[in-house]
Amino acid sequence: MPLSKPQAESQPGSYAQSSAMTIGNDAEFEALFRAYYAPLCAFVSRMVGSRAVAEELVQEVFLYLWEHRATWSAHTSVRTYLFTAARNVTLNYLRREKLAERATQSDDGTIALFTRTQLEIEREVALAEFERAVKRAIAHLPPRCGEVYALSREQYLSYAEIGQVLGISTKTVEVHMGRAFKLLRKHLAPYLKDM
């Protein structure tokens, strides 16, 4: 069972163009791995800030493909599938890390609570209120705007990278970001005038 639909697409560099692909043998899987492992590691590394963690997450993506090679098929381009899968695995990892960090901070926070001054507490309350307002404002963004904003500001992807991941043009990414900034300024106006 060949890896790519047409025979002309059997070179690793052309995987990005093919669709409805399956992995039929070890050589095809190895070619796919060699073509995309390094770019996926670089992509994930920018999101997590660690090359070692990025390699583990990308290996999870390829392990899934290997374990499901008999039934797996990409209905989009393989490049889009792999980068989307890597993004999803990375976002799940970041969520788990954030939860673990919160658990650790809550233990440390109990001790620190008794050593802060009134002014520090007021600042922290104001900051927490502003952060909640920001989260609410982001949650009220239209779905695509919110997704583009999150990839840009939380995952630090460039507009070109966001366009690749979401399958939209860089100009469309710019339009969504402009719309997101405008809506955020509107929602956060009461907080921004006090700063």
N, C-alpha and C. Protein backbone atom coordinates (compact mmCIF):
# COMPACT_ATOMS: atom_id res chain seq x y z
N MET A 1 0.86 -1.17 0.00
CA MET A 1 0.00 0.00 0.00
C MET A 1 0.90 1.23 0.00
N PRO A 2 0.94 2.04 -1.04
CA PRO A 2 1.86 3.16 -1.13
C PRO A 2 1.49 4.28 -0.17
N LEU A 3 2.50 5.09 0.17
CA LEU A 3 2.31 6.19 1.09
C LEU A 3 1.52 7.33 0.45
N SER A 4 1.78 7.61 -0.79
CA SER A 4 1.12 8.75 -1.41
C SER A 4 0.21 8.30 -2.52
N LYS A 5 -0.76 9.14 -2.81
CA LYS A 5 -1.72 8.82 -3.87
C LYS A 5 -1.02 8.63 -5.21
N PRO A 6 -0.54 9.71 -5.83
CA PRO A 6 0.14 9.55 -7.11
C PRO A 6 1.59 9.15 -6.91
N GLN A 7 2.14 8.41 -7.84
CA GLN A 7 3.53 7.98 -7.77
C GLN A 7 4.48 9.17 -7.78
N ALA A 8 4.11 10.26 -8.41
CA ALA A 8 4.98 11.43 -8.50
C ALA A 8 5.24 12.06 -7.15
N GLU A 9 4.44 11.69 -6.16
CA GLU A 9 4.59 12.31 -4.85
C GLU A 9 5.36 11.43 -3.88
N SER A 10 6.18 10.56 -4.34
CA SER A 10 6.87 9.63 -3.47
C SER A 10 8.11 10.22 -2.81
N GLN A 11 8.50 11.45 -3.16
CA GLN A 11 9.64 12.08 -2.53
C GLN A 11 9.19 12.77 -1.25
N PRO A 12 10.03 12.76 -0.18
CA PRO A 12 9.65 13.35 1.09
C PRO A 12 9.20 14.79 0.97
N GLY A 13 9.83 15.59 0.15
CA GLY A 13 9.47 17.00 0.03
C GLY A 13 8.09 17.22 -0.53
N SER A 14 7.53 16.23 -1.19
CA SER A 14 6.22 16.42 -1.81
C SER A 14 5.08 15.91 -0.95
N TYR A 15 5.37 15.42 0.26
CA TYR A 15 4.31 14.94 1.14
C TYR A 15 3.31 16.03 1.47
N ALA A 16 3.78 17.27 1.52
CA ALA A 16 2.90 18.36 1.91
C ALA A 16 1.75 18.55 0.94
N GLN A 17 1.92 18.12 -0.30
CA GLN A 17 0.90 18.35 -1.31
C GLN A 17 -0.14 17.24 -1.38
N SER A 18 0.17 16.07 -0.86
CA SER A 18 -0.72 14.94 -1.04
C SER A 18 -1.82 14.92 0.00
N SER A 19 -2.90 14.20 -0.32
CA SER A 19 -4.00 14.08 0.62
C SER A 19 -4.52 12.66 0.61
N ALA A 20 -5.32 12.31 1.59
CA ALA A 20 -5.87 10.96 1.76
C ALA A 20 -4.75 9.93 1.73
N MET A 21 -3.68 10.19 2.47
CA MET A 21 -2.51 9.32 2.46
C MET A 21 -2.60 8.25 3.52
N THR A 22 -1.92 7.14 3.26
CA THR A 22 -1.79 6.07 4.23
C THR A 22 -0.33 5.67 4.29
N ILE A 23 0.05 4.97 5.35
CA ILE A 23 1.43 4.50 5.50
C ILE A 23 1.41 3.00 5.32
N GLY A 24 2.06 2.54 4.27
CA GLY A 24 1.99 1.13 3.95
C GLY A 24 3.15 0.28 4.42
N ASN A 25 4.35 0.84 4.58
CA ASN A 25 5.49 0.02 5.00
C ASN A 25 6.49 0.85 5.78
N ASP A 26 7.51 0.18 6.31
CA ASP A 26 8.51 0.83 7.15
C ASP A 26 9.27 1.93 6.40
N ALA A 27 9.61 1.68 5.15
CA ALA A 27 10.38 2.66 4.38
C ALA A 27 9.58 3.95 4.19
N GLU A 28 8.30 3.82 3.94
CA GLU A 28 7.46 5.01 3.76
C GLU A 28 7.34 5.79 5.06
N PHE A 29 7.19 5.07 6.17
CA PHE A 29 7.12 5.74 7.47
C PHE A 29 8.44 6.43 7.76
N GLU A 30 9.55 5.76 7.49
CA GLU A 30 10.87 6.36 7.74
C GLU A 30 11.07 7.61 6.90
N ALA A 31 10.64 7.57 5.65
CA ALA A 31 10.77 8.75 4.79
C ALA A 31 9.94 9.91 5.33
N LEU A 32 8.75 9.62 5.79
CA LEU A 32 7.89 10.64 6.39
C LEU A 32 8.54 11.22 7.65
N PHE A 33 9.08 10.33 8.47
CA PHE A 33 9.76 10.74 9.71
C PHE A 33 10.94 11.65 9.39
N ARG A 34 11.77 11.23 8.45
CA ARG A 34 12.95 12.01 8.09
C ARG A 34 12.58 13.38 7.52
N ALA A 35 11.50 13.43 6.78
CA ALA A 35 11.10 14.69 6.14
C ALA A 35 10.55 15.69 7.15
N TYR A 36 9.89 15.22 8.20
CA TYR A 36 9.17 16.14 9.08
C TYR A 36 9.65 16.20 10.52
N TYR A 37 10.50 15.31 10.96
CA TYR A 37 10.91 15.30 12.36
C TYR A 37 11.57 16.62 12.77
N ALA A 38 12.57 17.05 12.05
CA ALA A 38 13.30 18.28 12.41
C ALA A 38 12.40 19.52 12.35
N PRO A 39 11.61 19.73 11.27
CA PRO A 39 10.75 20.91 11.25
C PRO A 39 9.70 20.90 12.38
N LEU A 40 9.17 19.72 12.69
CA LEU A 40 8.19 19.64 13.78
C LEU A 40 8.85 19.93 15.12
N CYS A 41 10.06 19.45 15.32
CA CYS A 41 10.77 19.73 16.58
C CYS A 41 11.03 21.22 16.72
N ALA A 42 11.42 21.88 15.65
CA ALA A 42 11.65 23.33 15.71
C ALA A 42 10.35 24.07 16.03
N PHE A 43 9.27 23.67 15.41
CA PHE A 43 7.95 24.27 15.64
C PHE A 43 7.52 24.12 17.09
N VAL A 44 7.60 22.91 17.62
CA VAL A 44 7.17 22.63 18.99
C VAL A 44 8.12 23.28 19.99
N SER A 45 9.40 23.30 19.67
CA SER A 45 10.39 23.89 20.57
C SER A 45 10.09 25.36 20.82
N ARG A 46 9.64 26.07 19.80
CA ARG A 46 9.27 27.49 19.98
C ARG A 46 8.09 27.63 20.93
N MET A 47 7.22 26.63 20.97
CA MET A 47 6.05 26.69 21.83
C MET A 47 6.37 26.35 23.28
N VAL A 48 7.28 25.39 23.49
CA VAL A 48 7.55 24.92 24.86
C VAL A 48 8.86 25.45 25.42
N GLY A 49 9.74 25.96 24.56
CA GLY A 49 11.00 26.53 25.03
C GLY A 49 12.04 25.50 25.42
N SER A 50 11.86 24.26 25.02
CA SER A 50 12.82 23.20 25.37
C SER A 50 12.93 22.23 24.20
N ARG A 51 14.14 22.05 23.72
CA ARG A 51 14.36 21.13 22.60
C ARG A 51 14.05 19.69 23.03
N ALA A 52 14.45 19.32 24.25
CA ALA A 52 14.23 17.95 24.72
C ALA A 52 12.74 17.63 24.83
N VAL A 53 11.97 18.55 25.39
CA VAL A 53 10.52 18.34 25.51
C VAL A 53 9.90 18.31 24.12
N ALA A 54 10.36 19.18 23.24
CA ALA A 54 9.84 19.21 21.87
C ALA A 54 10.06 17.87 21.18
N GLU A 55 11.24 17.30 21.34
CA GLU A 55 11.53 16.00 20.71
C GLU A 55 10.60 14.92 21.25
N GLU A 56 10.35 14.93 22.56
CA GLU A 56 9.44 13.94 23.14
C GLU A 56 8.03 14.08 22.57
N LEU A 57 7.56 15.32 22.45
CA LEU A 57 6.20 15.55 21.95
C LEU A 57 6.07 15.15 20.49
N VAL A 58 7.08 15.47 19.69
CA VAL A 58 7.05 15.08 18.27
C VAL A 58 7.12 13.56 18.15
N GLN A 59 7.89 12.93 19.01
CA GLN A 59 7.94 11.47 18.99
C GLN A 59 6.58 10.87 19.33
N GLU A 60 5.81 11.53 20.21
CA GLU A 60 4.45 11.07 20.50
C GLU A 60 3.60 11.07 19.23
N VAL A 61 3.74 12.13 18.43
CA VAL A 61 2.97 12.23 17.18
C VAL A 61 3.33 11.07 16.25
N PHE A 62 4.63 10.83 16.08
CA PHE A 62 5.06 9.75 15.18
C PHE A 62 4.74 8.38 15.76
N LEU A 63 4.80 8.24 17.07
CA LEU A 63 4.42 6.97 17.70
C LEU A 63 2.95 6.67 17.42
N TYR A 64 2.11 7.69 17.53
CA TYR A 64 0.70 7.50 17.21
C TYR A 64 0.53 7.04 15.76
N LEU A 65 1.23 7.70 14.85
CA LEU A 65 1.15 7.30 13.43
C LEU A 65 1.60 5.85 13.25
N TRP A 66 2.70 5.50 13.92
CA TRP A 66 3.22 4.13 13.78
C TRP A 66 2.22 3.12 14.32
N GLU A 67 1.66 3.38 15.49
CA GLU A 67 0.73 2.44 16.10
C GLU A 67 -0.58 2.33 15.31
N HIS A 68 -0.93 3.37 14.58
CA HIS A 68 -2.19 3.37 13.82
C HIS A 68 -1.95 3.36 12.31
N ARG A 69 -0.76 2.93 11.89
CA ARG A 69 -0.42 3.01 10.47
C ARG A 69 -1.34 2.18 9.58
N ALA A 70 -1.91 1.12 10.11
CA ALA A 70 -2.79 0.27 9.29
C ALA A 70 -4.11 0.97 8.97
N THR A 71 -4.55 1.83 9.86
CA THR A 71 -5.85 2.48 9.66
C THR A 71 -5.75 3.98 9.44
N TRP A 72 -4.58 4.57 9.65
CA TRP A 72 -4.42 6.02 9.56
C TRP A 72 -4.44 6.49 8.12
N SER A 73 -5.11 7.59 7.89
CA SER A 73 -5.00 8.28 6.60
C SER A 73 -5.25 9.75 6.83
N ALA A 74 -4.49 10.58 6.14
CA ALA A 74 -4.65 12.03 6.25
C ALA A 74 -5.61 12.49 5.17
N HIS A 75 -6.64 13.22 5.57
CA HIS A 75 -7.60 13.73 4.60
C HIS A 75 -7.29 15.17 4.23
N THR A 76 -6.21 15.69 4.80
CA THR A 76 -5.66 16.99 4.42
C THR A 76 -4.24 16.71 3.95
N SER A 77 -3.47 17.74 3.72
CA SER A 77 -2.07 17.48 3.38
C SER A 77 -1.38 16.89 4.60
N VAL A 78 -0.40 16.06 4.37
CA VAL A 78 0.33 15.43 5.47
C VAL A 78 1.00 16.49 6.32
N ARG A 79 1.56 17.51 5.69
CA ARG A 79 2.20 18.60 6.43
C ARG A 79 1.21 19.26 7.39
N THR A 80 0.04 19.58 6.90
CA THR A 80 -0.99 20.20 7.74
C THR A 80 -1.38 19.27 8.87
N TYR A 81 -1.57 18.01 8.55
CA TYR A 81 -1.94 17.02 9.58
C TYR A 81 -0.87 16.96 10.66
N LEU A 82 0.39 16.82 10.27
CA LEU A 82 1.47 16.66 11.24
C LEU A 82 1.64 17.91 12.11
N PHE A 83 1.61 19.08 11.50
CA PHE A 83 1.78 20.30 12.29
C PHE A 83 0.58 20.53 13.21
N THR A 84 -0.62 20.19 12.76
CA THR A 84 -1.79 20.32 13.62
C THR A 84 -1.73 19.32 14.76
N ALA A 85 -1.34 18.10 14.47
CA ALA A 85 -1.20 17.08 15.52
C ALA A 85 -0.13 17.50 16.53
N ALA A 86 0.97 18.02 16.05
CA ALA A 86 2.05 18.47 16.94
C ALA A 86 1.56 19.64 17.80
N ARG A 87 0.83 20.55 17.20
CA ARG A 87 0.28 21.68 17.97
C ARG A 87 -0.66 21.17 19.06
N ASN A 88 -1.54 20.24 18.72
CA ASN A 88 -2.50 19.72 19.70
C ASN A 88 -1.81 18.98 20.84
N VAL A 89 -0.82 18.15 20.51
CA VAL A 89 -0.07 17.43 21.55
C VAL A 89 0.64 18.44 22.46
N THR A 90 1.18 19.49 21.86
CA THR A 90 1.89 20.52 22.62
C THR A 90 0.94 21.30 23.52
N LEU A 91 -0.21 21.67 23.00
CA LEU A 91 -1.19 22.40 23.83
C LEU A 91 -1.65 21.55 25.00
N ASN A 92 -1.85 20.26 24.78
CA ASN A 92 -2.21 19.36 25.89
C ASN A 92 -1.09 19.31 26.93
N TYR A 93 0.15 19.22 26.46
CA TYR A 93 1.29 19.22 27.38
C TYR A 93 1.33 20.51 28.20
N LEU A 94 1.16 21.66 27.51
CA LEU A 94 1.21 22.94 28.21
C LEU A 94 0.09 23.06 29.24
N ARG A 95 -1.09 22.53 28.93
CA ARG A 95 -2.19 22.55 29.90
C ARG A 95 -1.83 21.73 31.14
N ARG A 96 -1.28 20.54 30.92
CA ARG A 96 -0.87 19.70 32.05
C ARG A 96 0.18 20.39 32.90
N GLU A 97 1.15 21.03 32.26
CA GLU A 97 2.20 21.74 32.98
C GLU A 97 1.63 22.91 33.79
N LYS A 98 0.69 23.61 33.21
CA LYS A 98 0.08 24.75 33.91
C LYS A 98 -0.69 24.27 35.14
N LEU A 99 -1.40 23.16 35.03
CA LEU A 99 -2.13 22.61 36.17
C LEU A 99 -1.16 22.18 37.27
N ALA A 100 -0.07 21.55 36.89
CA ALA A 100 0.93 21.12 37.88
C ALA A 100 1.56 22.34 38.56
N GLU A 101 1.82 23.38 37.78
CA GLU A 101 2.40 24.61 38.34
C GLU A 101 1.44 25.28 39.32
N ARG A 102 0.16 25.30 38.97
CA ARG A 102 -0.84 25.89 39.87
C ARG A 102 -0.90 25.14 41.19
N ALA A 103 -0.82 23.83 41.14
CA ALA A 103 -0.87 23.03 42.36
C ALA A 103 0.32 23.36 43.26
N THR A 104 1.49 23.49 42.67
CA THR A 104 2.69 23.83 43.44
C THR A 104 2.58 25.24 44.00
N GLN A 105 2.09 26.17 43.19
CA GLN A 105 1.98 27.56 43.64
C GLN A 105 0.98 27.72 44.77
N SER A 106 -0.09 26.93 44.75
CA SER A 106 -1.08 27.08 45.81
C SER A 106 -0.50 26.68 47.16
N ASP A 107 0.40 25.70 47.18
CA ASP A 107 1.08 25.33 48.43
C ASP A 107 1.99 26.45 48.92
N ASP A 108 2.77 27.03 48.01
CA ASP A 108 3.67 28.13 48.36
C ASP A 108 2.90 29.39 48.70
N GLY A 109 1.77 29.59 48.05
CA GLY A 109 0.97 30.79 48.25
C GLY A 109 0.38 30.90 49.63
N THR A 110 0.10 29.79 50.27
CA THR A 110 -0.47 29.80 51.62
C THR A 110 0.51 30.43 52.60
N ILE A 111 1.78 30.09 52.49
CA ILE A 111 2.79 30.64 53.37
C ILE A 111 3.00 32.13 53.08
N ALA A 112 3.08 32.49 51.81
CA ALA A 112 3.33 33.88 51.43
C ALA A 112 2.16 34.78 51.79
N LEU A 113 0.97 34.25 51.89
CA LEU A 113 -0.22 35.04 52.19
C LEU A 113 -0.08 35.80 53.49
N PHE A 114 0.61 35.24 54.47
CA PHE A 114 0.71 35.87 55.78
C PHE A 114 1.86 36.87 55.88
N THR A 115 2.67 37.01 54.84
CA THR A 115 3.82 37.91 54.91
C THR A 115 3.70 39.12 54.00
N ARG A 116 2.57 39.33 53.33
CA ARG A 116 2.41 40.44 52.40
C ARG A 116 1.82 41.67 53.08
N THR A 117 2.15 42.85 52.52
CA THR A 117 1.59 44.10 53.05
C THR A 117 0.24 44.36 52.40
N GLN A 118 -0.50 45.31 52.94
CA GLN A 118 -1.81 45.67 52.41
C GLN A 118 -1.71 46.17 50.97
N LEU A 119 -0.71 47.00 50.68
CA LEU A 119 -0.52 47.54 49.33
C LEU A 119 -0.24 46.41 48.33
N GLU A 120 0.59 45.44 48.70
CA GLU A 120 0.87 44.30 47.82
C GLU A 120 -0.40 43.51 47.54
N ILE A 121 -1.20 43.33 48.57
CA ILE A 121 -2.44 42.58 48.41
C ILE A 121 -3.38 43.32 47.46
N GLU A 122 -3.51 44.64 47.62
CA GLU A 122 -4.38 45.43 46.75
C GLU A 122 -3.90 45.36 45.29
N ARG A 123 -2.60 45.44 45.10
CA ARG A 123 -2.05 45.34 43.74
C ARG A 123 -2.34 43.97 43.13
N GLU A 124 -2.17 42.94 43.93
CA GLU A 124 -2.43 41.59 43.44
C GLU A 124 -3.90 41.39 43.10
N VAL A 125 -4.78 41.94 43.91
CA VAL A 125 -6.22 41.84 43.65
C VAL A 125 -6.56 42.58 42.35
N ALA A 126 -6.01 43.79 42.19
CA ALA A 126 -6.26 44.56 40.96
C ALA A 126 -5.72 43.82 39.74
N LEU A 127 -4.53 43.26 39.86
CA LEU A 127 -3.94 42.51 38.75
C LEU A 127 -4.77 41.28 38.43
N ALA A 128 -5.21 40.57 39.46
CA ALA A 128 -6.04 39.38 39.24
C ALA A 128 -7.35 39.75 38.56
N GLU A 129 -7.94 40.87 38.97
CA GLU A 129 -9.18 41.32 38.36
C GLU A 129 -8.95 41.67 36.88
N PHE A 130 -7.83 42.34 36.59
CA PHE A 130 -7.50 42.68 35.21
C PHE A 130 -7.26 41.42 34.38
N GLU A 131 -6.56 40.44 34.94
CA GLU A 131 -6.31 39.19 34.22
C GLU A 131 -7.61 38.47 33.91
N ARG A 132 -8.55 38.47 34.86
CA ARG A 132 -9.85 37.85 34.61
C ARG A 132 -10.59 38.60 33.50
N ALA A 133 -10.49 39.93 33.52
CA ALA A 133 -11.13 40.74 32.46
C ALA A 133 -10.53 40.43 31.10
N VAL A 134 -9.22 40.26 31.05
CA VAL A 134 -8.55 39.91 29.79
C VAL A 134 -9.04 38.55 29.30
N LYS A 135 -9.09 37.58 30.21
CA LYS A 135 -9.56 36.24 29.82
C LYS A 135 -11.00 36.28 29.33
N ARG A 136 -11.84 37.05 30.01
CA ARG A 136 -13.24 37.18 29.56
C ARG A 136 -13.30 37.83 28.18
N ALA A 137 -12.49 38.88 27.98
CA ALA A 137 -12.47 39.57 26.69
C ALA A 137 -12.00 38.63 25.59
N ILE A 138 -10.97 37.83 25.86
CA ILE A 138 -10.47 36.87 24.87
C ILE A 138 -11.54 35.81 24.59
N ALA A 139 -12.24 35.38 25.64
CA ALA A 139 -13.29 34.37 25.47
C ALA A 139 -14.44 34.89 24.61
N HIS A 140 -14.65 36.21 24.60
CA HIS A 140 -15.72 36.80 23.81
C HIS A 140 -15.32 37.08 22.37
N LEU A 141 -14.06 36.83 22.02
CA LEU A 141 -13.64 37.03 20.63
C LEU A 141 -14.34 36.00 19.74
N PRO A 142 -14.59 36.36 18.49
CA PRO A 142 -15.12 35.34 17.57
C PRO A 142 -14.15 34.16 17.54
N PRO A 143 -14.66 32.94 17.31
CA PRO A 143 -13.81 31.73 17.42
C PRO A 143 -12.49 31.80 16.66
N ARG A 144 -12.52 32.17 15.39
CA ARG A 144 -11.29 32.19 14.60
C ARG A 144 -10.34 33.27 15.10
N CYS A 145 -10.88 34.45 15.47
CA CYS A 145 -10.04 35.53 16.03
C CYS A 145 -9.37 35.04 17.30
N GLY A 146 -10.12 34.37 18.15
CA GLY A 146 -9.57 33.88 19.41
C GLY A 146 -8.47 32.86 19.18
N GLU A 147 -8.67 31.99 18.20
CA GLU A 147 -7.67 30.97 17.90
C GLU A 147 -6.39 31.62 17.37
N VAL A 148 -6.55 32.57 16.44
CA VAL A 148 -5.40 33.28 15.88
C VAL A 148 -4.67 34.04 16.99
N TYR A 149 -5.44 34.74 17.83
CA TYR A 149 -4.84 35.51 18.93
C TYR A 149 -4.05 34.58 19.87
N ALA A 150 -4.64 33.45 20.24
CA ALA A 150 -3.97 32.52 21.16
C ALA A 150 -2.67 31.98 20.55
N LEU A 151 -2.69 31.63 19.28
CA LEU A 151 -1.48 31.12 18.64
C LEU A 151 -0.39 32.19 18.59
N SER A 152 -0.80 33.45 18.39
CA SER A 152 0.16 34.54 18.31
C SER A 152 0.70 34.94 19.67
N ARG A 153 -0.19 35.17 20.63
CA ARG A 153 0.22 35.75 21.91
C ARG A 153 0.53 34.74 23.00
N GLU A 154 -0.03 33.56 22.89
CA GLU A 154 0.23 32.56 23.92
C GLU A 154 1.23 31.51 23.46
N GLN A 155 1.24 31.23 22.15
CA GLN A 155 2.16 30.22 21.63
C GLN A 155 3.32 30.85 20.87
N TYR A 156 3.30 32.18 20.70
CA TYR A 156 4.39 32.94 20.09
C TYR A 156 4.70 32.51 18.65
N LEU A 157 3.67 32.15 17.91
CA LEU A 157 3.87 31.80 16.50
C LEU A 157 3.84 33.07 15.66
N SER A 158 4.59 33.07 14.58
CA SER A 158 4.55 34.19 13.65
C SER A 158 3.26 34.10 12.84
N TYR A 159 2.92 35.19 12.18
CA TYR A 159 1.71 35.19 11.36
C TYR A 159 1.79 34.12 10.27
N ALA A 160 2.97 33.95 9.68
CA ALA A 160 3.14 32.93 8.64
C ALA A 160 2.92 31.54 9.21
N GLU A 161 3.46 31.29 10.41
CA GLU A 161 3.27 29.97 11.04
C GLU A 161 1.81 29.73 11.38
N ILE A 162 1.13 30.76 11.85
CA ILE A 162 -0.29 30.63 12.17
C ILE A 162 -1.07 30.30 10.90
N GLY A 163 -0.74 30.99 9.82
CA GLY A 163 -1.38 30.72 8.54
C GLY A 163 -1.19 29.28 8.11
N GLN A 164 0.02 28.75 8.30
CA GLN A 164 0.30 27.35 7.94
C GLN A 164 -0.52 26.40 8.79
N VAL A 165 -0.53 26.63 10.09
CA VAL A 165 -1.22 25.72 11.01
C VAL A 165 -2.72 25.72 10.74
N LEU A 166 -3.29 26.90 10.50
CA LEU A 166 -4.74 27.00 10.32
C LEU A 166 -5.18 26.89 8.86
N GLY A 167 -4.22 26.87 7.96
CA GLY A 167 -4.57 26.74 6.54
C GLY A 167 -5.19 28.01 5.98
N ILE A 168 -4.73 29.18 6.45
CA ILE A 168 -5.24 30.46 5.95
C ILE A 168 -4.04 31.32 5.54
N SER A 169 -4.31 32.39 4.81
CA SER A 169 -3.22 33.24 4.35
C SER A 169 -2.72 34.14 5.48
N THR A 170 -1.51 34.64 5.30
CA THR A 170 -0.92 35.55 6.29
C THR A 170 -1.77 36.81 6.39
N LYS A 171 -2.29 37.28 5.29
CA LYS A 171 -3.14 38.49 5.30
C LYS A 171 -4.40 38.23 6.13
N THR A 172 -4.99 37.05 6.02
CA THR A 172 -6.17 36.71 6.82
C THR A 172 -5.81 36.69 8.30
N VAL A 173 -4.62 36.19 8.61
CA VAL A 173 -4.16 36.21 10.01
C VAL A 173 -4.07 37.64 10.51
N GLU A 174 -3.51 38.53 9.68
CA GLU A 174 -3.40 39.95 10.05
C GLU A 174 -4.78 40.56 10.30
N VAL A 175 -5.74 40.23 9.45
CA VAL A 175 -7.10 40.76 9.62
C VAL A 175 -7.69 40.27 10.94
N HIS A 176 -7.52 38.98 11.25
CA HIS A 176 -8.05 38.44 12.51
C HIS A 176 -7.37 39.09 13.72
N MET A 177 -6.06 39.31 13.64
CA MET A 177 -5.36 39.95 14.75
C MET A 177 -5.82 41.39 14.93
N GLY A 178 -5.99 42.12 13.83
CA GLY A 178 -6.48 43.50 13.92
C GLY A 178 -7.86 43.55 14.57
N ARG A 179 -8.72 42.63 14.16
CA ARG A 179 -10.06 42.56 14.73
C ARG A 179 -9.99 42.20 16.22
N ALA A 180 -9.11 41.26 16.57
CA ALA A 180 -8.95 40.86 17.97
C ALA A 180 -8.49 42.04 18.82
N PHE A 181 -7.48 42.79 18.35
CA PHE A 181 -6.98 43.93 19.11
C PHE A 181 -8.07 44.98 19.31
N LYS A 182 -8.82 45.24 18.26
CA LYS A 182 -9.88 46.24 18.35
C LYS A 182 -10.92 45.82 19.39
N LEU A 183 -11.35 44.56 19.36
CA LEU A 183 -12.34 44.08 20.32
C LEU A 183 -11.79 44.05 21.74
N LEU A 184 -10.53 43.67 21.89
CA LEU A 184 -9.93 43.65 23.22
C LEU A 184 -9.82 45.06 23.80
N ARG A 185 -9.41 46.02 22.97
CA ARG A 185 -9.35 47.41 23.46
C ARG A 185 -10.72 47.89 23.92
N LYS A 186 -11.74 47.51 23.18
CA LYS A 186 -13.10 47.92 23.53
C LYS A 186 -13.52 47.30 24.87
N HIS A 187 -13.29 46.00 25.03
CA HIS A 187 -13.69 45.31 26.26
C HIS A 187 -12.87 45.74 27.48
N LEU A 188 -11.62 46.12 27.25
CA LEU A 188 -10.74 46.43 28.37
C LEU A 188 -10.59 47.93 28.62
N ALA A 189 -11.32 48.76 27.88
CA ALA A 189 -11.22 50.21 28.03
C ALA A 189 -11.37 50.68 29.47
N PRO A 190 -12.33 50.17 30.24
CA PRO A 190 -12.45 50.64 31.63
C PRO A 190 -11.20 50.37 32.48
N TYR A 191 -10.50 49.28 32.20
CA TYR A 191 -9.31 48.95 32.97
C TYR A 191 -8.09 49.72 32.49
N LEU A 192 -8.02 49.97 31.19
CA LEU A 192 -6.86 50.63 30.62
C LEU A 192 -6.79 52.10 31.01
N LYS A 193 -7.91 52.76 31.21
CA LYS A 193 -7.89 54.18 31.57
C LYS A 193 -7.34 54.40 32.97
N ASP A 194 -7.39 53.38 33.84
CA ASP A 194 -6.88 53.50 35.21
C ASP A 194 -5.39 53.23 35.29
N MET A 195 -4.80 52.74 34.23
CA MET A 195 -3.37 52.38 34.28
C MET A 195 -2.49 53.52 33.85
